[in-house]
Amino acid sequence: ILVKIRAKDTDRQAVLSVAEIFRARILDVASDSLVVELTGEQRK
């Protein structure tokens, strides 16, 4: 799955924390968004 999430400065750390818990990779960081890659079972 690839997910582009709106992430302003105030939200960015929280989104990064969720991504880290799931062992997701951050593929792109822009001033107002992040692109996250996650591989796994559908439940995950």
PDB file of all heavy atoms in Angstrom:
ATOM      1  N   ILE A   1       0.846  -1.185   0.000  1.00  0.00           N
ATOM      2  CA  ILE A   1       0.000   0.000   0.000  1.00  0.00           C
ATOM      3  C   ILE A   1       0.884   1.239   0.000  1.00  0.00           C
ATOM      4  O   ILE A   1       1.934   1.260   0.652  1.00  0.00           O
ATOM      5  CB  ILE A   1      -0.956   0.000   1.213  1.00  0.00           C
ATOM      6  CG1 ILE A   1      -1.982   1.124   1.108  1.00  0.00           C
ATOM      7  CG2 ILE A   1      -0.198   0.113   2.513  1.00  0.00           C
ATOM      8  CD1 ILE A   1      -3.072   1.033   2.160  1.00  0.00           C
ATOM      9  N   LEU A   2       0.493   2.240  -0.785  1.00  0.00           N
ATOM     10  CA  LEU A   2       1.116   3.552  -0.762  1.00  0.00           C
ATOM     11  C   LEU A   2       0.039   4.539  -0.323  1.00  0.00           C
ATOM     12  O   LEU A   2      -1.071   4.528  -0.873  1.00  0.00           O
ATOM     13  CB  LEU A   2       1.636   3.956  -2.148  1.00  0.00           C
ATOM     14  CG  LEU A   2       2.738   3.092  -2.744  1.00  0.00           C
ATOM     15  CD1 LEU A   2       3.057   3.549  -4.163  1.00  0.00           C
ATOM     16  CD2 LEU A   2       3.983   3.129  -1.889  1.00  0.00           C
ATOM     17  N   VAL A   3       0.353   5.362   0.666  1.00  0.00           N
ATOM     18  CA  VAL A   3      -0.613   6.311   1.199  1.00  0.00           C
ATOM     19  C   VAL A   3       0.027   7.693   1.246  1.00  0.00           C
ATOM     20  O   VAL A   3       1.116   7.861   1.803  1.00  0.00           O
ATOM     21  CB  VAL A   3      -1.058   5.929   2.634  1.00  0.00           C
ATOM     22  CG1 VAL A   3      -2.166   6.856   3.107  1.00  0.00           C
ATOM     23  CG2 VAL A   3      -1.492   4.491   2.718  1.00  0.00           C
ATOM     24  N   LYS A   4      -0.665   8.674   0.634  1.00  0.00           N
ATOM     25  CA  LYS A   4      -0.230  10.063   0.749  1.00  0.00           C
ATOM     26  C   LYS A   4      -1.131  10.722   1.791  1.00  0.00           C
ATOM     27  O   LYS A   4      -2.354  10.750   1.654  1.00  0.00           O
ATOM     28  CB  LYS A   4      -0.355  10.810  -0.574  1.00  0.00           C
ATOM     29  CG  LYS A   4       0.211  12.231  -0.511  1.00  0.00           C
ATOM     30  CD  LYS A   4       0.002  12.997  -1.806  1.00  0.00           C
ATOM     31  CE  LYS A   4       0.829  12.391  -2.915  1.00  0.00           C
ATOM     32  NZ  LYS A   4       0.675  13.146  -4.183  1.00  0.00           N
ATOM     33  N   ILE A   5      -0.500  11.234   2.848  1.00  0.00           N
ATOM     34  CA  ILE A   5      -1.217  11.777   3.994  1.00  0.00           C
ATOM     35  C   ILE A   5      -0.877  13.260   4.139  1.00  0.00           C
ATOM     36  O   ILE A   5       0.307  13.624   4.081  1.00  0.00           O
ATOM     37  CB  ILE A   5      -0.800  11.046   5.286  1.00  0.00           C
ATOM     38  CG1 ILE A   5      -0.984   9.540   5.116  1.00  0.00           C
ATOM     39  CG2 ILE A   5      -1.559  11.579   6.494  1.00  0.00           C
ATOM     40  CD1 ILE A   5      -0.121   8.714   6.027  1.00  0.00           C
ATOM     41  N   ARG A   6      -1.910  14.083   4.328  1.00  0.00           N
ATOM     42  CA  ARG A   6      -1.641  15.490   4.632  1.00  0.00           C
ATOM     43  C   ARG A   6      -1.007  15.525   6.016  1.00  0.00           C
ATOM     44  O   ARG A   6      -1.570  14.995   6.969  1.00  0.00           O
ATOM     45  CB  ARG A   6      -2.906  16.324   4.616  1.00  0.00           C
ATOM     46  CG  ARG A   6      -2.599  17.810   4.834  1.00  0.00           C
ATOM     47  CD  ARG A   6      -3.783  18.733   4.677  1.00  0.00           C
ATOM     48  NE  ARG A   6      -4.568  18.574   3.473  1.00  0.00           N
ATOM     49  CZ  ARG A   6      -4.255  19.034   2.264  1.00  0.00           C
ATOM     50  NH1 ARG A   6      -3.107  19.669   2.084  1.00  0.00           N
ATOM     51  NH2 ARG A   6      -5.054  18.855   1.236  1.00  0.00           N
ATOM     52  N   ALA A   7       0.171  16.118   6.102  1.00  0.00           N
ATOM     53  CA  ALA A   7       0.899  16.158   7.376  1.00  0.00           C
ATOM     54  C   ALA A   7       1.618  17.488   7.499  1.00  0.00           C
ATOM     55  O   ALA A   7       2.724  17.657   7.010  1.00  0.00           O
ATOM     56  CB  ALA A   7       1.884  15.000   7.461  1.00  0.00           C
ATOM     57  N   LYS A   8       0.947  18.418   8.153  1.00  0.00           N
ATOM     58  CA  LYS A   8       1.582  19.705   8.437  1.00  0.00           C
ATOM     59  C   LYS A   8       2.561  19.500   9.584  1.00  0.00           C
ATOM     60  O   LYS A   8       2.619  18.432  10.191  1.00  0.00           O
ATOM     61  CB  LYS A   8       0.506  20.721   8.779  1.00  0.00           C
ATOM     62  CG  LYS A   8      -0.440  20.968   7.615  1.00  0.00           C
ATOM     63  CD  LYS A   8      -1.509  21.964   7.954  1.00  0.00           C
ATOM     64  CE  LYS A   8      -2.409  22.117   6.737  1.00  0.00           C
ATOM     65  NZ  LYS A   8      -3.594  22.859   6.977  1.00  0.00           N
ATOM     66  N   ASP A   9       3.321  20.509   9.886  1.00  0.00           N
ATOM     67  CA  ASP A   9       4.342  20.417  10.931  1.00  0.00           C
ATOM     68  C   ASP A   9       3.789  19.849  12.235  1.00  0.00           C
ATOM     69  O   ASP A   9       4.442  19.048  12.896  1.00  0.00           O
ATOM     70  CB  ASP A   9       4.970  21.790  11.195  1.00  0.00           C
ATOM     71  CG  ASP A   9       5.791  22.275  10.015  1.00  0.00           C
ATOM     72  OD1 ASP A   9       6.189  21.437   9.185  1.00  0.00           O
ATOM     73  OD2 ASP A   9       6.030  23.494   9.925  1.00  0.00           O
ATOM     74  N   THR A  10       2.567  20.230  12.608  1.00  0.00           N
ATOM     75  CA  THR A  10       1.997  19.799  13.875  1.00  0.00           C
ATOM     76  C   THR A  10       1.596  18.326  13.877  1.00  0.00           C
ATOM     77  O   THR A  10       1.553  17.697  14.923  1.00  0.00           O
ATOM     78  CB  THR A  10       0.759  20.653  14.225  1.00  0.00           C
ATOM     79  OG1 THR A  10      -0.158  20.597  13.128  1.00  0.00           O
ATOM     80  CG2 THR A  10       1.148  22.097  14.489  1.00  0.00           C
ATOM     81  N   ASP A  11       1.289  17.764  12.706  1.00  0.00           N
ATOM     82  CA  ASP A  11       0.848  16.368  12.593  1.00  0.00           C
ATOM     83  C   ASP A  11       1.974  15.398  12.239  1.00  0.00           C
ATOM     84  O   ASP A  11       1.855  14.195  12.447  1.00  0.00           O
ATOM     85  CB  ASP A  11      -0.227  16.222  11.509  1.00  0.00           C
ATOM     86  CG  ASP A  11      -1.467  17.021  11.798  1.00  0.00           C
ATOM     87  OD1 ASP A  11      -1.757  17.227  12.991  1.00  0.00           O
ATOM     88  OD2 ASP A  11      -2.137  17.436  10.834  1.00  0.00           O
ATOM     89  N   ARG A  12       3.029  15.925  11.687  1.00  0.00           N
ATOM     90  CA  ARG A  12       4.065  15.071  11.088  1.00  0.00           C
ATOM     91  C   ARG A  12       4.622  14.025  12.053  1.00  0.00           C
ATOM     92  O   ARG A  12       4.719  12.853  11.717  1.00  0.00           O
ATOM     93  CB  ARG A  12       5.189  15.950  10.541  1.00  0.00           C
ATOM     94  CG  ARG A  12       6.158  15.182   9.664  1.00  0.00           C
ATOM     95  CD  ARG A  12       7.181  16.107   9.026  1.00  0.00           C
ATOM     96  NE  ARG A  12       6.595  17.255   8.361  1.00  0.00           N
ATOM     97  CZ  ARG A  12       6.199  17.258   7.078  1.00  0.00           C
ATOM     98  NH1 ARG A  12       6.329  16.189   6.355  1.00  0.00           N
ATOM     99  NH2 ARG A  12       5.682  18.341   6.549  1.00  0.00           N
ATOM    100  N   GLN A  13       4.978  14.406  13.267  1.00  0.00           N
ATOM    101  CA  GLN A  13       5.591  13.462  14.204  1.00  0.00           C
ATOM    102  C   GLN A  13       4.624  12.342  14.583  1.00  0.00           C
ATOM    103  O   GLN A  13       5.021  11.183  14.719  1.00  0.00           O
ATOM    104  CB  GLN A  13       6.105  14.181  15.465  1.00  0.00           C
ATOM    105  CG  GLN A  13       6.955  13.299  16.339  1.00  0.00           C
ATOM    106  CD  GLN A  13       8.122  12.657  15.586  1.00  0.00           C
ATOM    107  OE1 GLN A  13       8.877  13.330  14.887  1.00  0.00           O
ATOM    108  NE2 GLN A  13       8.269  11.355  15.698  1.00  0.00           N
ATOM    109  N   ALA A  14       3.344  12.666  14.740  1.00  0.00           N
ATOM    110  CA  ALA A  14       2.353  11.645  15.083  1.00  0.00           C
ATOM    111  C   ALA A  14       2.204  10.627  13.952  1.00  0.00           C
ATOM    112  O   ALA A  14       2.142   9.417  14.194  1.00  0.00           O
ATOM    113  CB  ALA A  14       1.008  12.301  15.391  1.00  0.00           C
ATOM    114  N   VAL A  15       2.170  11.106  12.720  1.00  0.00           N
ATOM    115  CA  VAL A  15       2.074  10.200  11.564  1.00  0.00           C
ATOM    116  C   VAL A  15       3.324   9.338  11.469  1.00  0.00           C
ATOM    117  O   VAL A  15       3.249   8.128  11.228  1.00  0.00           O
ATOM    118  CB  VAL A  15       1.830  10.985  10.253  1.00  0.00           C
ATOM    119  CG1 VAL A  15       1.912  10.057   9.048  1.00  0.00           C
ATOM    120  CG2 VAL A  15       0.489  11.694  10.296  1.00  0.00           C
ATOM    121  N   LEU A  16       4.472   9.932  11.681  1.00  0.00           N
ATOM    122  CA  LEU A  16       5.731   9.172  11.650  1.00  0.00           C
ATOM    123  C   LEU A  16       5.744   8.096  12.732  1.00  0.00           C
ATOM    124  O   LEU A  16       6.259   6.990  12.508  1.00  0.00           O
ATOM    125  CB  LEU A  16       6.928  10.104  11.807  1.00  0.00           C
ATOM    126  CG  LEU A  16       7.210  11.036  10.626  1.00  0.00           C
ATOM    127  CD1 LEU A  16       8.288  12.053  10.997  1.00  0.00           C
ATOM    128  CD2 LEU A  16       7.582  10.252   9.388  1.00  0.00           C
ATOM    129  N   SER A  17       5.190   8.381  13.891  1.00  0.00           N
ATOM    130  CA  SER A  17       5.129   7.400  14.982  1.00  0.00           C
ATOM    131  C   SER A  17       4.252   6.211  14.599  1.00  0.00           C
ATOM    132  O   SER A  17       4.616   5.060  14.852  1.00  0.00           O
ATOM    133  CB  SER A  17       4.600   8.042  16.254  1.00  0.00           C
ATOM    134  OG  SER A  17       5.500   9.005  16.728  1.00  0.00           O
ATOM    135  N   VAL A  18       3.107   6.487  13.998  1.00  0.00           N
ATOM    136  CA  VAL A  18       2.225   5.405  13.547  1.00  0.00           C
ATOM    137  C   VAL A  18       2.940   4.565  12.486  1.00  0.00           C
ATOM    138  O   VAL A  18       2.914   3.330  12.526  1.00  0.00           O
ATOM    139  CB  VAL A  18       0.883   5.952  12.999  1.00  0.00           C
ATOM    140  CG1 VAL A  18       0.063   4.842  12.351  1.00  0.00           C
ATOM    141  CG2 VAL A  18       0.095   6.635  14.107  1.00  0.00           C
ATOM    142  N   ALA A  19       3.604   5.223  11.552  1.00  0.00           N
ATOM    143  CA  ALA A  19       4.337   4.506  10.501  1.00  0.00           C
ATOM    144  C   ALA A  19       5.423   3.617  11.101  1.00  0.00           C
ATOM    145  O   ALA A  19       5.613   2.470  10.676  1.00  0.00           O
ATOM    146  CB  ALA A  19       4.943   5.501   9.514  1.00  0.00           C
ATOM    147  N   GLU A  20       6.119   4.125  12.109  1.00  0.00           N
ATOM    148  CA  GLU A  20       7.194   3.354  12.748  1.00  0.00           C
ATOM    149  C   GLU A  20       6.647   2.109  13.440  1.00  0.00           C
ATOM    150  O   GLU A  20       7.250   1.037  13.373  1.00  0.00           O
ATOM    151  CB  GLU A  20       7.925   4.245  13.751  1.00  0.00           C
ATOM    152  CG  GLU A  20       9.143   3.582  14.344  1.00  0.00           C
ATOM    153  CD  GLU A  20       9.883   4.523  15.298  1.00  0.00           C
ATOM    154  OE1 GLU A  20       9.931   5.742  15.034  1.00  0.00           O
ATOM    155  OE2 GLU A  20      10.410   4.012  16.307  1.00  0.00           O
ATOM    156  N   ILE A  21       5.522   2.239  14.096  1.00  0.00           N
ATOM    157  CA  ILE A  21       4.905   1.092  14.781  1.00  0.00           C
ATOM    158  C   ILE A  21       4.644  -0.040  13.799  1.00  0.00           C
ATOM    159  O   ILE A  21       4.847  -1.215  14.101  1.00  0.00           O
ATOM    160  CB  ILE A  21       3.589   1.519  15.470  1.00  0.00           C
ATOM    161  CG1 ILE A  21       3.890   2.421  16.668  1.00  0.00           C
ATOM    162  CG2 ILE A  21       2.772   0.302  15.895  1.00  0.00           C
ATOM    163  CD1 ILE A  21       2.669   3.125  17.222  1.00  0.00           C
ATOM    164  N   PHE A  22       4.224   0.309  12.566  1.00  0.00           N
ATOM    165  CA  PHE A  22       3.892  -0.691  11.560  1.00  0.00           C
ATOM    166  C   PHE A  22       5.081  -1.062  10.672  1.00  0.00           C
ATOM    167  O   PHE A  22       4.938  -1.820   9.719  1.00  0.00           O
ATOM    168  CB  PHE A  22       2.735  -0.187  10.691  1.00  0.00           C
ATOM    169  CG  PHE A  22       1.406  -0.304  11.365  1.00  0.00           C
ATOM    170  CD1 PHE A  22       0.943   0.701  12.205  1.00  0.00           C
ATOM    171  CD2 PHE A  22       0.614  -1.420  11.171  1.00  0.00           C
ATOM    172  CE1 PHE A  22      -0.282   0.597  12.839  1.00  0.00           C
ATOM    173  CE2 PHE A  22      -0.607  -1.539  11.792  1.00  0.00           C
ATOM    174  CZ  PHE A  22      -1.055  -0.523  12.635  1.00  0.00           C
ATOM    175  N   ARG A  23       6.246  -0.492  10.970  1.00  0.00           N
ATOM    176  CA  ARG A  23       7.455  -0.716  10.176  1.00  0.00           C
ATOM    177  C   ARG A  23       7.264  -0.278   8.726  1.00  0.00           C
ATOM    178  O   ARG A  23       7.735  -0.921   7.775  1.00  0.00           O
ATOM    179  CB  ARG A  23       7.910  -2.171  10.237  1.00  0.00           C
ATOM    180  CG  ARG A  23       8.323  -2.601  11.620  1.00  0.00           C
ATOM    181  CD  ARG A  23       8.950  -3.980  11.601  1.00  0.00           C
ATOM    182  NE  ARG A  23       9.229  -4.395  12.953  1.00  0.00           N
ATOM    183  CZ  ARG A  23       8.808  -5.528  13.473  1.00  0.00           C
ATOM    184  NH1 ARG A  23       8.087  -6.365  12.749  1.00  0.00           N
ATOM    185  NH2 ARG A  23       9.101  -5.839  14.710  1.00  0.00           N
ATOM    186  N   ALA A  24       6.533   0.807   8.559  1.00  0.00           N
ATOM    187  CA  ALA A  24       6.319   1.384   7.233  1.00  0.00           C
ATOM    188  C   ALA A  24       7.525   2.244   6.869  1.00  0.00           C
ATOM    189  O   ALA A  24       8.285   2.666   7.733  1.00  0.00           O
ATOM    190  CB  ALA A  24       5.046   2.229   7.232  1.00  0.00           C
ATOM    191  N   ARG A  25       7.663   2.482   5.575  1.00  0.00           N
ATOM    192  CA  ARG A  25       8.759   3.331   5.084  1.00  0.00           C
ATOM    193  C   ARG A  25       8.195   4.655   4.596  1.00  0.00           C
ATOM    194  O   ARG A  25       7.167   4.681   3.922  1.00  0.00           O
ATOM    195  CB  ARG A  25       9.479   2.650   3.918  1.00  0.00           C
ATOM    196  CG  ARG A  25      10.270   1.423   4.339  1.00  0.00           C
ATOM    197  CD  ARG A  25      11.001   0.784   3.177  1.00  0.00           C
ATOM    198  NE  ARG A  25      11.623   1.788   2.327  1.00  0.00           N
ATOM    199  CZ  ARG A  25      11.957   1.583   1.056  1.00  0.00           C
ATOM    200  NH1 ARG A  25      11.715   0.428   0.479  1.00  0.00           N
ATOM    201  NH2 ARG A  25      12.511   2.536   0.342  1.00  0.00           N
ATOM    202  N   ILE A  26       8.895   5.720   4.909  1.00  0.00           N
ATOM    203  CA  ILE A  26       8.531   7.031   4.392  1.00  0.00           C
ATOM    204  C   ILE A  26       9.267   7.197   3.060  1.00  0.00           C
ATOM    205  O   ILE A  26      10.493   7.165   3.011  1.00  0.00           O
ATOM    206  CB  ILE A  26       8.938   8.163   5.370  1.00  0.00           C
ATOM    207  CG1 ILE A  26       8.365   7.905   6.763  1.00  0.00           C
ATOM    208  CG2 ILE A  26       8.504   9.514   4.809  1.00  0.00           C
ATOM    209  CD1 ILE A  26       6.872   7.784   6.831  1.00  0.00           C
ATOM    210  N   LEU A  27       8.501   7.349   1.976  1.00  0.00           N
ATOM    211  CA  LEU A  27       9.103   7.450   0.652  1.00  0.00           C
ATOM    212  C   LEU A  27       9.283   8.879   0.178  1.00  0.00           C
ATOM    213  O   LEU A  27      10.154   9.159  -0.641  1.00  0.00           O
ATOM    214  CB  LEU A  27       8.239   6.700  -0.376  1.00  0.00           C
ATOM    215  CG  LEU A  27       8.048   5.208  -0.139  1.00  0.00           C
ATOM    216  CD1 LEU A  27       7.171   4.618  -1.232  1.00  0.00           C
ATOM    217  CD2 LEU A  27       9.381   4.484  -0.078  1.00  0.00           C
ATOM    218  N   ASP A  28       8.417   9.775   0.683  1.00  0.00           N
ATOM    219  CA  ASP A  28       8.490  11.161   0.236  1.00  0.00           C
ATOM    220  C   ASP A  28       8.003  12.073   1.357  1.00  0.00           C
ATOM    221  O   ASP A  28       7.006  11.773   2.015  1.00  0.00           O
ATOM    222  CB  ASP A  28       7.623  11.375  -1.008  1.00  0.00           C
ATOM    223  CG  ASP A  28       7.730  12.785  -1.537  1.00  0.00           C
ATOM    224  OD1 ASP A  28       8.831  13.177  -1.964  1.00  0.00           O
ATOM    225  OD2 ASP A  28       6.710  13.505  -1.507  1.00  0.00           O
ATOM    226  N   VAL A  29       8.725  13.156   1.544  1.00  0.00           N
ATOM    227  CA  VAL A  29       8.333  14.164   2.522  1.00  0.00           C
ATOM    228  C   VAL A  29       8.246  15.492   1.788  1.00  0.00           C
ATOM    229  O   VAL A  29       9.218  15.928   1.173  1.00  0.00           O
ATOM    230  CB  VAL A  29       9.359  14.271   3.675  1.00  0.00           C
ATOM    231  CG1 VAL A  29       8.947  15.365   4.644  1.00  0.00           C
ATOM    232  CG2 VAL A  29       9.511  12.937   4.382  1.00  0.00           C
ATOM    233  N   ALA A  30       7.066  16.096   1.829  1.00  0.00           N
ATOM    234  CA  ALA A  30       6.868  17.431   1.260  1.00  0.00           C
ATOM    235  C   ALA A  30       6.474  18.361   2.411  1.00  0.00           C
ATOM    236  O   ALA A  30       6.261  17.912   3.534  1.00  0.00           O
ATOM    237  CB  ALA A  30       5.784  17.387   0.186  1.00  0.00           C
ATOM    238  N   SER A  31       6.348  19.620   2.114  1.00  0.00           N
ATOM    239  CA  SER A  31       6.037  20.577   3.177  1.00  0.00           C
ATOM    240  C   SER A  31       4.674  20.327   3.808  1.00  0.00           C
ATOM    241  O   SER A  31       4.462  20.671   4.968  1.00  0.00           O
ATOM    242  CB  SER A  31       6.112  22.005   2.642  1.00  0.00           C
ATOM    243  OG  SER A  31       5.144  22.174   1.612  1.00  0.00           O
ATOM    244  N   ASP A  32       3.764  19.703   3.072  1.00  0.00           N
ATOM    245  CA  ASP A  32       2.420  19.497   3.610  1.00  0.00           C
ATOM    246  C   ASP A  32       1.923  18.059   3.529  1.00  0.00           C
ATOM    247  O   ASP A  32       0.754  17.781   3.771  1.00  0.00           O
ATOM    248  CB  ASP A  32       1.425  20.412   2.895  1.00  0.00           C
ATOM    249  CG  ASP A  32       1.373  20.144   1.404  1.00  0.00           C
ATOM    250  OD1 ASP A  32       2.257  19.420   0.888  1.00  0.00           O
ATOM    251  OD2 ASP A  32       0.455  20.657   0.746  1.00  0.00           O
ATOM    252  N   SER A  33       2.807  17.115   3.158  1.00  0.00           N
ATOM    253  CA  SER A  33       2.358  15.722   3.038  1.00  0.00           C
ATOM    254  C   SER A  33       3.513  14.743   3.182  1.00  0.00           C
ATOM    255  O   SER A  33       4.685  15.115   3.094  1.00  0.00           O
ATOM    256  CB  SER A  33       1.673  15.497   1.691  1.00  0.00           C
ATOM    257  OG  SER A  33       2.609  15.614   0.631  1.00  0.00           O
ATOM    258  N   LEU A  34       3.135  13.473   3.402  1.00  0.00           N
ATOM    259  CA  LEU A  34       4.081  12.354   3.453  1.00  0.00           C
ATOM    260  C   LEU A  34       3.540  11.245   2.564  1.00  0.00           C
ATOM    261  O   LEU A  34       2.324  11.032   2.495  1.00  0.00           O
ATOM    262  CB  LEU A  34       4.178  11.781   4.872  1.00  0.00           C
ATOM    263  CG  LEU A  34       4.700  12.650   5.993  1.00  0.00           C
ATOM    264  CD1 LEU A  34       4.437  11.969   7.333  1.00  0.00           C
ATOM    265  CD2 LEU A  34       6.180  12.884   5.809  1.00  0.00           C
ATOM    266  N   VAL A  35       4.424  10.503   1.923  1.00  0.00           N
ATOM    267  CA  VAL A  35       4.031   9.287   1.221  1.00  0.00           C
ATOM    268  C   VAL A  35       4.639   8.123   1.987  1.00  0.00           C
ATOM    269  O   VAL A  35       5.854   8.078   2.218  1.00  0.00           O
ATOM    270  CB  VAL A  35       4.492   9.267  -0.250  1.00  0.00           C
ATOM    271  CG1 VAL A  35       4.151   7.927  -0.895  1.00  0.00           C
ATOM    272  CG2 VAL A  35       3.859  10.414  -1.029  1.00  0.00           C
ATOM    273  N   VAL A  36       3.769   7.194   2.390  1.00  0.00           N
ATOM    274  CA  VAL A  36       4.169   6.066   3.221  1.00  0.00           C
ATOM    275  C   VAL A  36       3.952   4.771   2.446  1.00  0.00           C
ATOM    276  O   VAL A  36       2.931   4.605   1.772  1.00  0.00           O
ATOM    277  CB  VAL A  36       3.340   6.040   4.528  1.00  0.00           C
ATOM    278  CG1 VAL A  36       3.753   4.872   5.401  1.00  0.00           C
ATOM    279  CG2 VAL A  36       3.490   7.346   5.279  1.00  0.00           C
ATOM    280  N   GLU A  37       4.914   3.847   2.555  1.00  0.00           N
ATOM    281  CA  GLU A  37       4.823   2.528   1.939  1.00  0.00           C
ATOM    282  C   GLU A  37       4.728   1.491   3.049  1.00  0.00           C
ATOM    283  O   GLU A  37       5.511   1.531   4.006  1.00  0.00           O
ATOM    284  CB  GLU A  37       6.071   2.252   1.101  1.00  0.00           C
ATOM    285  CG  GLU A  37       6.169   0.836   0.585  1.00  0.00           C
ATOM    286  CD  GLU A  37       7.538   0.543  -0.009  1.00  0.00           C
ATOM    287  OE1 GLU A  37       8.538   0.564   0.735  1.00  0.00           O
ATOM    288  OE2 GLU A  37       7.599   0.303  -1.220  1.00  0.00           O
ATOM    289  N   LEU A  38       3.784   0.563   2.912  1.00  0.00           N
ATOM    290  CA  LEU A  38       3.637  -0.500   3.894  1.00  0.00           C
ATOM    291  C   LEU A  38       3.327  -1.799   3.170  1.00  0.00           C
ATOM    292  O   LEU A  38       2.493  -1.827   2.263  1.00  0.00           O
ATOM    293  CB  LEU A  38       2.516  -0.160   4.885  1.00  0.00           C
ATOM    294  CG  LEU A  38       2.241  -1.177   5.994  1.00  0.00           C
ATOM    295  CD1 LEU A  38       3.458  -1.360   6.890  1.00  0.00           C
ATOM    296  CD2 LEU A  38       1.043  -0.740   6.815  1.00  0.00           C
ATOM    297  N   THR A  39       4.007  -2.855   3.569  1.00  0.00           N
ATOM    298  CA  THR A  39       3.787  -4.180   3.006  1.00  0.00           C
ATOM    299  C   THR A  39       3.400  -5.127   4.124  1.00  0.00           C
ATOM    300  O   THR A  39       3.960  -5.068   5.215  1.00  0.00           O
ATOM    301  CB  THR A  39       5.077  -4.708   2.331  1.00  0.00           C
ATOM    302  OG1 THR A  39       5.510  -3.757   1.367  1.00  0.00           O
ATOM    303  CG2 THR A  39       4.849  -6.048   1.666  1.00  0.00           C
ATOM    304  N   GLY A  40       2.449  -6.012   3.839  1.00  0.00           N
ATOM    305  CA  GLY A  40       2.066  -6.990   4.841  1.00  0.00           C
ATOM    306  C   GLY A  40       0.751  -7.657   4.501  1.00  0.00           C
ATOM    307  O   GLY A  40       0.246  -7.539   3.384  1.00  0.00           O
ATOM    308  N   GLU A  41       0.216  -8.347   5.491  1.00  0.00           N
ATOM    309  CA  GLU A  41      -1.075  -8.989   5.319  1.00  0.00           C
ATOM    310  C   GLU A  41      -2.169  -7.931   5.296  1.00  0.00           C
ATOM    311  O   GLU A  41      -2.004  -6.840   5.843  1.00  0.00           O
ATOM    312  CB  GLU A  41      -1.314  -9.985   6.455  1.00  0.00           C
ATOM    313  CG  GLU A  41      -0.337 -11.136   6.441  1.00  0.00           C
ATOM    314  CD  GLU A  41      -0.561 -12.111   7.581  1.00  0.00           C
ATOM    315  OE1 GLU A  41      -1.431 -11.859   8.443  1.00  0.00           O
ATOM    316  OE2 GLU A  41       0.143 -13.124   7.615  1.00  0.00           O
ATOM    317  N   GLN A  42      -3.289  -8.258   4.690  1.00  0.00           N
ATOM    318  CA  GLN A  42      -4.374  -7.297   4.554  1.00  0.00           C
ATOM    319  C   GLN A  42      -4.834  -6.735   5.900  1.00  0.00           C
ATOM    320  O   GLN A  42      -5.130  -5.554   6.012  1.00  0.00           O
ATOM    321  CB  GLN A  42      -5.547  -7.932   3.807  1.00  0.00           C
ATOM    322  CG  GLN A  42      -5.254  -8.134   2.337  1.00  0.00           C
ATOM    323  CD  GLN A  42      -6.395  -8.791   1.599  1.00  0.00           C
ATOM    324  OE1 GLN A  42      -7.003  -9.734   2.094  1.00  0.00           O
ATOM    325  NE2 GLN A  42      -6.677  -8.300   0.412  1.00  0.00           N
ATOM    326  N   ARG A  43      -4.869  -7.586   6.933  1.00  0.00           N
ATOM    327  CA  ARG A  43      -5.273  -7.114   8.267  1.00  0.00           C
ATOM    328  C   ARG A  43      -4.368  -5.994   8.756  1.00  0.00           C
ATOM    329  O   ARG A  43      -4.819  -5.022   9.354  1.00  0.00           O
ATOM    330  CB  ARG A  43      -5.220  -8.252   9.284  1.00  0.00           C
ATOM    331  CG  ARG A  43      -6.273  -9.296   9.163  1.00  0.00           C
ATOM    332  CD  ARG A  43      -6.117 -10.289  10.275  1.00  0.00           C
ATOM    333  NE  ARG A  43      -4.691 -10.573  10.497  1.00  0.00           N
ATOM    334  CZ  ARG A  43      -4.203 -11.714  10.906  1.00  0.00           C
ATOM    335  NH1 ARG A  43      -5.003 -12.706  11.181  1.00  0.00           N
ATOM    336  NH2 ARG A  43      -2.912 -11.898  11.083  1.00  0.00           N
ATOM    337  N   LYS A  44      -3.076  -6.154   8.545  1.00  0.00           N
ATOM    338  CA  LYS A  44      -2.103  -5.150   8.982  1.00  0.00           C
ATOM    339  C   LYS A  44      -2.338  -3.832   8.252  1.00  0.00           C
ATOM    340  O   LYS A  44      -2.345  -2.760   8.872  1.00  0.00           O
ATOM    341  CB  LYS A  44      -0.686  -5.661   8.722  1.00  0.00           C
ATOM    342  CG  LYS A  44       0.418  -4.689   9.065  1.00  0.00           C
ATOM    343  CD  LYS A  44       1.781  -5.278   8.735  1.00  0.00           C
ATOM    344  CE  LYS A  44       2.905  -4.312   9.012  1.00  0.00           C
ATOM    345  NZ  LYS A  44       4.218  -4.885   8.666  1.00  0.00           N
TER     346      LYS A  44
END
